[in-house]
Protein backbone atom coordinates (compact mmCIF):
# COMPACT_ATOMS: atom_id res chain seq x y z
CA MET A 1 105.01 151.23 142.76
CA LYS A 2 102.04 153.75 144.31
CA ARG A 3 104.19 156.49 146.52
CA LEU A 4 104.10 155.60 149.68
CA CYS A 5 101.56 157.52 152.81
CA LEU A 6 103.63 159.16 155.06
CA GLN A 7 100.84 159.49 157.16
CA PRO A 8 101.45 157.97 161.16
CA ARG A 9 98.50 155.80 161.87
CA TYR A 10 97.65 155.53 165.59
CA SER A 11 95.23 153.92 167.28
CA ASN A 12 92.54 155.90 169.40
CA THR A 13 91.55 153.02 172.37
CA VAL A 14 91.94 155.87 175.16
CA PRO A 15 88.90 158.71 174.35
CA SER A 16 90.35 161.98 174.72
CA ASP A 17 87.48 163.85 177.83
CA PRO A 18 88.57 161.10 180.15
CA LEU A 19 91.69 162.19 180.25
CA SER A 20 90.49 165.56 180.12
CA SER A 21 88.44 165.36 182.54
CA LEU A 22 91.56 163.24 184.67
CA PHE A 23 94.28 165.89 183.84
CA ASP A 24 91.20 169.41 185.36
CA ARG A 25 91.65 167.07 188.50
CA ALA A 26 95.15 167.01 188.65
CA LEU A 27 95.02 170.18 187.92
CA ASP A 28 92.97 170.84 191.52
CA ALA A 29 95.93 168.76 193.00
CA ASP A 30 93.87 164.96 192.67
CA ARG A 31 96.83 162.99 193.55
CA ARG A 32 94.70 160.05 191.92
CA ALA A 33 93.97 161.59 189.32
CA LEU A 34 97.66 162.17 188.63
CA ALA A 35 98.64 158.66 189.55
CA ARG A 36 96.11 157.85 186.93
CA LEU A 37 97.45 159.36 183.82
CA PHE A 38 100.45 158.01 184.38
CA THR A 39 99.49 154.99 184.75
CA LEU A 40 97.70 155.56 181.16
CA ILE A 41 100.51 156.89 179.45
CA GLU A 42 102.90 154.34 180.86
CA ASN A 43 100.52 151.61 178.83
CA ASP A 44 99.12 152.94 175.94
CA ASP A 45 100.12 155.81 172.94
CA SER A 46 96.98 157.45 172.20
CA ALA A 47 97.00 158.52 175.88
CA LEU A 48 100.44 159.87 176.47
CA ARG A 49 99.97 161.96 173.00
CA HIS A 50 97.02 163.37 174.05
CA VAL A 51 98.32 163.78 177.61
CA MET A 52 101.45 165.19 175.82
CA ARG A 53 98.67 167.73 173.91
CA LEU A 54 97.34 168.96 177.04
CA ALA A 55 100.49 169.22 179.35
CA HIS A 56 103.17 171.15 176.73
CA PRO A 57 101.59 174.40 176.52
CA SER A 58 102.39 174.80 179.61
CA ALA A 59 105.44 173.13 180.60
CA GLY A 60 108.82 174.76 180.03
CA ASN A 61 108.65 176.59 183.79
CA ALA A 62 110.47 173.93 185.99
CA GLU A 63 113.62 173.35 186.87
CA VAL A 64 114.39 169.33 185.72
CA VAL A 65 118.14 167.96 187.74
CA GLY A 66 118.66 164.64 186.30
CA ILE A 67 120.46 162.21 188.45
CA THR A 68 122.38 159.58 187.00
CA GLY A 69 125.13 156.74 187.68
CA PRO A 70 125.61 153.36 188.50
CA PRO A 71 123.77 151.37 190.84
CA GLY A 72 124.30 151.42 194.16
CA ALA A 73 126.15 154.99 194.39
CA GLY A 74 123.51 156.18 196.70
CA LYS A 75 121.28 157.92 193.94
CA SER A 76 118.15 157.83 195.94
CA THR A 77 119.41 158.66 199.31
CA ILE A 78 120.72 161.67 197.29
CA VAL A 79 116.94 162.80 196.12
CA ASP A 80 115.33 162.05 198.87
CA ARG A 81 117.69 165.05 200.85
CA LEU A 82 117.13 167.03 198.10
CA VAL A 83 113.64 166.33 198.25
CA HIS A 84 113.93 167.57 201.62
CA ILE A 85 115.71 170.71 201.21
CA ALA A 86 114.04 171.93 198.29
CA ARG A 87 110.67 171.88 200.96
CA LYS A 88 111.91 173.37 203.46
CA ASP A 89 112.94 176.26 200.56
CA GLY A 90 108.99 176.26 199.41
CA ARG A 91 109.05 174.57 196.37
CA SER A 92 106.76 172.21 195.02
CA VAL A 93 108.65 168.52 193.88
CA GLY A 94 108.10 166.10 191.61
CA VAL A 95 110.91 162.46 191.72
CA LEU A 96 110.69 160.46 188.34
CA ALA A 97 112.35 157.56 189.68
CA VAL A 98 113.93 155.20 186.11
CA ASP A 99 116.41 153.55 188.17
CA PRO A 100 114.86 149.64 188.33
CA THR A 101 117.47 149.55 191.93
CA SER A 102 115.95 152.76 192.97
CA PRO A 103 114.04 152.18 196.73
CA PHE A 104 111.42 155.36 194.45
CA SER A 105 110.78 151.87 192.45
CA GLY A 106 109.37 149.65 195.10
CA GLY A 107 112.54 147.90 196.41
CA SER A 108 113.14 149.64 199.26
CA VAL A 109 114.10 148.20 202.65
CA LEU A 110 111.82 148.95 205.62
CA GLY A 111 113.89 151.90 206.38
CA ASP A 112 114.20 153.47 203.28
CA ARG A 113 110.24 153.07 203.39
CA ILE A 114 109.66 155.19 206.71
CA ARG A 115 112.07 157.03 205.33
CA MET A 116 110.12 158.33 202.19
CA ARG A 117 107.13 158.32 204.16
CA ASP A 118 106.89 162.23 205.26
CA HIS A 119 107.69 162.99 201.34
CA TYR A 120 104.34 161.07 199.60
CA LEU A 121 102.43 162.09 202.47
CA ASP A 122 103.11 165.61 201.37
CA PRO A 123 100.25 166.92 199.14
CA GLU A 124 103.72 169.24 197.52
CA VAL A 125 105.99 166.72 196.25
CA PHE A 126 105.22 163.62 193.98
CA ILE A 127 106.86 160.30 193.49
CA ARG A 128 106.67 158.18 190.37
CA SER A 129 108.50 155.19 189.58
CA VAL A 130 107.58 155.04 185.98
CA ALA A 131 107.83 151.53 183.91
CA THR A 132 106.22 151.04 180.05
CA ARG A 133 103.72 148.10 179.35
CA GLY A 134 102.81 149.51 175.89
CA ALA A 135 103.68 152.83 175.07
CA HIS A 136 105.59 153.18 171.57
CA GLY A 137 108.90 154.88 172.35
CA GLY A 138 109.70 153.07 175.13
CA LEU A 139 110.52 155.29 178.69
CA ALA A 140 111.91 157.61 177.56
CA ALA A 141 108.59 158.87 175.86
CA VAL A 142 106.66 157.93 179.37
CA CYS A 143 109.85 159.68 181.00
CA ARG A 144 109.56 162.94 178.76
CA ALA A 145 105.74 162.99 179.54
CA GLY A 146 105.96 162.31 182.67
CA VAL A 147 108.32 165.59 183.08
CA SER A 148 105.79 167.66 181.26
CA LEU A 149 103.01 166.84 182.22
CA LEU A 150 104.41 166.82 186.53
CA ASP A 151 105.84 170.46 185.14
CA SER A 152 102.53 171.74 183.65
CA LEU A 153 100.86 170.96 187.03
CA GLY A 154 103.07 174.17 189.26
CA LYS A 155 105.52 171.15 189.83
CA ASP A 156 109.03 173.71 190.83
CA ILE A 157 111.84 170.83 190.65
CA ILE A 158 111.74 168.06 189.15
CA LEU A 159 113.70 165.35 190.25
CA VAL A 160 114.68 162.40 187.64
CA GLU A 161 116.28 159.51 188.53
CA THR A 162 118.02 157.32 186.51
CA VAL A 163 120.81 154.88 186.34
CA GLY A 164 123.88 155.83 183.78
CA VAL A 165 123.77 156.05 180.17
CA GLY A 166 123.65 152.44 178.49
CA GLN A 167 121.59 150.65 181.04
CA THR A 168 118.48 152.08 180.41
CA GLU A 169 116.08 153.28 177.09
CA LEU A 170 116.33 157.13 179.03
CA ASP A 171 118.98 159.35 177.33
CA ILE A 172 119.07 162.14 180.47
CA LEU A 173 119.87 164.85 178.42
CA GLY A 174 116.73 164.37 177.10
CA VAL A 175 114.82 165.65 179.48
CA ALA A 176 117.04 167.56 182.14
CA ASP A 177 117.85 170.78 182.54
CA ILE A 178 120.98 169.60 184.03
CA VAL A 179 122.52 166.52 184.83
CA ALA A 180 124.63 165.54 188.36
CA VAL A 181 126.46 162.70 188.12
CA VAL A 182 126.88 160.42 191.28
CA LEU A 183 130.40 157.87 191.64
CA VAL A 184 131.10 156.27 194.22
CA PRO A 185 134.64 155.30 195.48
CA GLU A 186 134.68 151.92 194.52
CA ALA A 187 136.96 150.24 192.44
CA GLY A 188 137.18 150.62 188.45
CA ASP A 189 133.87 153.65 189.23
CA THR A 190 135.56 156.35 187.47
CA VAL A 191 136.38 154.02 184.46
CA GLN A 192 133.87 152.22 184.14
CA ALA A 193 131.81 156.04 183.73
CA MET A 194 134.03 156.78 181.23
CA LYS A 195 133.27 153.80 179.05
CA ALA A 196 129.35 154.84 179.93
CA GLY A 197 130.11 158.55 178.71
CA LEU A 198 129.45 159.89 182.44
CA LEU A 199 131.85 161.96 181.34
CA GLU A 200 130.55 163.59 178.77
CA ILE A 201 127.37 164.24 179.97
CA ALA A 202 127.67 165.57 183.34
CA ASP A 203 127.60 168.77 184.76
CA ILE A 204 128.28 168.33 188.12
CA PHE A 205 129.68 165.06 189.54
CA VAL A 206 129.36 164.47 192.59
CA VAL A 207 132.01 161.84 194.82
CA ASN A 208 129.38 160.05 197.55
CA LYS A 209 130.37 158.25 199.77
CA ALA A 210 133.18 160.65 200.24
CA ASP A 211 134.56 158.86 203.97
CA ARG A 212 135.08 155.60 202.20
CA ASP A 213 138.96 155.00 201.18
CA GLY A 214 139.54 155.66 197.73
CA ALA A 215 136.96 158.68 197.94
CA GLY A 216 140.47 161.10 197.51
CA GLN A 217 142.16 159.38 194.71
CA MET A 218 138.13 159.37 193.14
CA ALA A 219 138.46 162.69 193.09
CA SER A 220 141.67 163.43 192.01
CA ALA A 221 141.33 161.77 188.67
CA LEU A 222 138.45 163.19 188.42
CA ARG A 223 140.45 166.53 189.40
CA ALA A 224 143.11 165.31 186.69
CA MET A 225 140.55 164.51 183.90
CA LEU A 226 138.40 168.23 184.05
CA SER A 227 141.92 169.81 183.89
CA LEU A 228 142.26 168.58 179.98
CA ASP A 229 139.23 169.59 179.48
CA PRO A 230 138.89 172.61 176.50
CA ARG A 231 135.70 174.07 177.45
CA PRO A 232 136.11 177.49 179.34
CA SER A 233 135.76 177.14 183.09
CA GLU A 234 132.41 178.05 183.69
CA LEU A 235 131.16 175.07 180.91
CA LYS A 236 133.51 172.55 182.79
CA PRO A 237 131.49 170.26 185.02
CA HIS A 238 131.72 171.06 188.94
CA LEU A 239 132.92 168.16 191.11
CA LEU A 240 131.18 167.93 194.50
CA MET A 241 131.40 165.58 197.78
CA THR A 242 128.89 164.50 199.80
CA GLN A 243 127.90 161.99 202.73
CA ALA A 244 124.42 161.27 201.74
CA HIS A 245 123.27 158.68 204.45
CA LEU A 246 124.44 161.80 206.56
CA GLY A 247 122.44 164.60 204.96
CA GLU A 248 126.74 166.32 204.38
CA GLY A 249 127.33 168.39 201.44
CA ILE A 250 123.29 167.52 200.10
CA SER A 251 122.59 171.61 200.80
CA GLU A 252 125.63 172.33 198.31
CA LEU A 253 124.86 169.93 195.69
CA TYR A 254 120.88 171.86 195.43
CA GLU A 255 122.39 175.66 195.76
CA GLU A 256 125.08 174.56 192.62
CA THR A 257 121.90 173.08 190.66
CA ARG A 258 120.48 176.25 191.44
CA LEU A 259 123.27 178.37 190.40
CA ARG A 260 124.31 176.91 187.09
CA LEU A 261 121.12 177.16 186.68
CA LYS A 262 120.83 180.69 186.84
CA ASP A 263 123.68 181.34 184.65
CA MET A 264 122.98 178.44 182.12
CA ARG A 265 119.04 180.54 181.73
CA ASP A 266 121.10 184.24 181.88
CA SER A 267 123.56 183.37 179.18
CA GLY A 268 120.89 181.50 177.52
CA ARG A 269 122.24 178.26 177.36
CA LEU A 270 119.23 176.79 178.97
CA SER A 271 116.97 177.69 176.00
CA GLU A 272 119.57 176.00 173.69
CA ARG A 273 119.93 173.13 175.37
CA ARG A 274 115.64 173.08 175.26
CA GLU A 275 115.77 173.48 171.43
CA ARG A 276 118.39 170.50 171.28
CA GLN A 277 115.68 168.52 172.82
CA ALA A 278 112.93 170.16 171.29
CA ILE A 279 114.91 169.45 168.13
CA THR A 280 115.91 165.38 168.86
CA GLU A 281 112.14 164.61 170.13
CA VAL A 282 110.79 165.78 167.10
CA THR A 283 113.25 163.61 165.06
CA ARG A 284 112.60 160.79 166.95
CA LEU A 285 108.70 161.04 166.93
CA VAL A 286 109.28 161.27 162.52
CA THR A 287 111.43 158.83 162.09
CA SER A 288 109.37 156.59 163.97
CA SER A 289 106.41 157.64 162.10
CA ILE A 290 108.14 156.81 159.11
CA SER A 291 110.04 154.00 159.53
CA ALA A 292 106.24 152.20 161.40
CA GLU A 293 104.68 153.29 157.58
CA ILE A 294 107.37 151.65 155.12
CA GLU A 295 107.37 148.11 157.51
CA ARG A 296 103.47 148.32 157.20
CA ALA A 297 103.63 149.19 153.76
CA MET A 298 106.47 146.76 153.03
CA SER A 299 104.21 144.11 154.22
CA GLU A 300 100.78 145.43 151.93
CA ASP A 301 102.38 146.96 148.90
CA ARG A 302 102.84 143.79 145.99
CA ALA A 303 105.67 146.02 143.97
CA LEU A 304 107.29 146.68 147.81
CA LYS A 305 107.09 143.12 148.59
CA LYS A 306 108.83 142.32 145.47
CA THR A 307 111.91 144.82 145.98
CA VAL A 308 112.47 143.37 148.65
CA ALA A 309 112.64 139.77 147.57
CA GLU A 310 114.81 140.79 145.40
CA VAL A 311 117.32 142.39 147.99
CA LYS A 312 117.18 138.50 149.75
CA SER A 313 117.68 136.76 146.90
CA GLY A 314 120.58 138.94 145.52
CA ASP A 315 119.22 139.86 142.49
CA LEU A 316 119.21 143.94 143.93
CA ASP A 317 121.29 145.67 146.74
CA PRO A 318 119.62 147.37 149.91
CA TYR A 319 120.77 150.95 148.27
CA THR A 320 119.30 150.87 145.15
CA ALA A 321 116.15 149.36 146.44
CA ALA A 322 115.99 152.08 149.03
CA GLU A 323 116.44 154.46 145.99
CA ARG A 324 113.81 152.81 143.92
CA ILE A 325 111.50 153.24 146.71
CA THR A 326 111.70 156.46 147.71
CA THR A 327 112.20 158.17 144.26
CA SER A 328 108.91 156.11 142.51
């Protein structure tokens, strides 16, 4: 049996020169070029890889804030308010919305669109709903590339809005420096948050719509759970109450993200988090490439096809088959 050649095979359907030209135009604040780059990385593997090669070397300066939580929690309103505050602070902003229920994704009512109009017209703000129609690796890969792209173009802060863990392909921990989990005082939200793993990923908890019945009980339940967290106090998630539709508590959320990021940067925890993200991403890409090559080989190599047939017939167990393939 010949040894497997684990060299990934990539298509090159998008020439690199046009992409480089688009990237240069985006660097010159050409918003149409930037929008075109996003369309390409959503649809084509080779475009995604080439854009990452262009963007990654100059990325790493932006603060990437993840805003996640169940549908209907008011995440889009919070993002909208955070953009306003960041712009008043003189900072440029990128927004990636990967929540299918988000107003940024095209599902907004008229009021949402009117409210967001000023952001869309602001040259220092870029808002994009993220989808994937052809890129290998799905939504997570496209979102990571999008973050790197906006980062390399000089955005000071990038807000990534997504539905809670387990409900999209995106693991927010894979892209965000800090994660705010938004909950509302509806029955069962705390339990659902625990089931979805949101408690494990939060750096900040936000109880939004704090004027509603049950908000105090939810905050108390979260505090009780956080009291059982064995980590030092500086590592435990903080809890904030907001009424995003009125703008209440959003300034506190903005300042909290900045303070926590400064603490993470000064303590080295931010560098550690980004290193873990890099390890996870490289591992994912290597695993994906090897898996694709093995599947291709199994469909073409006669000896491998024979081994698979033996497993199917019961003459050979899968573990022995795997050992035979990897050691031959």
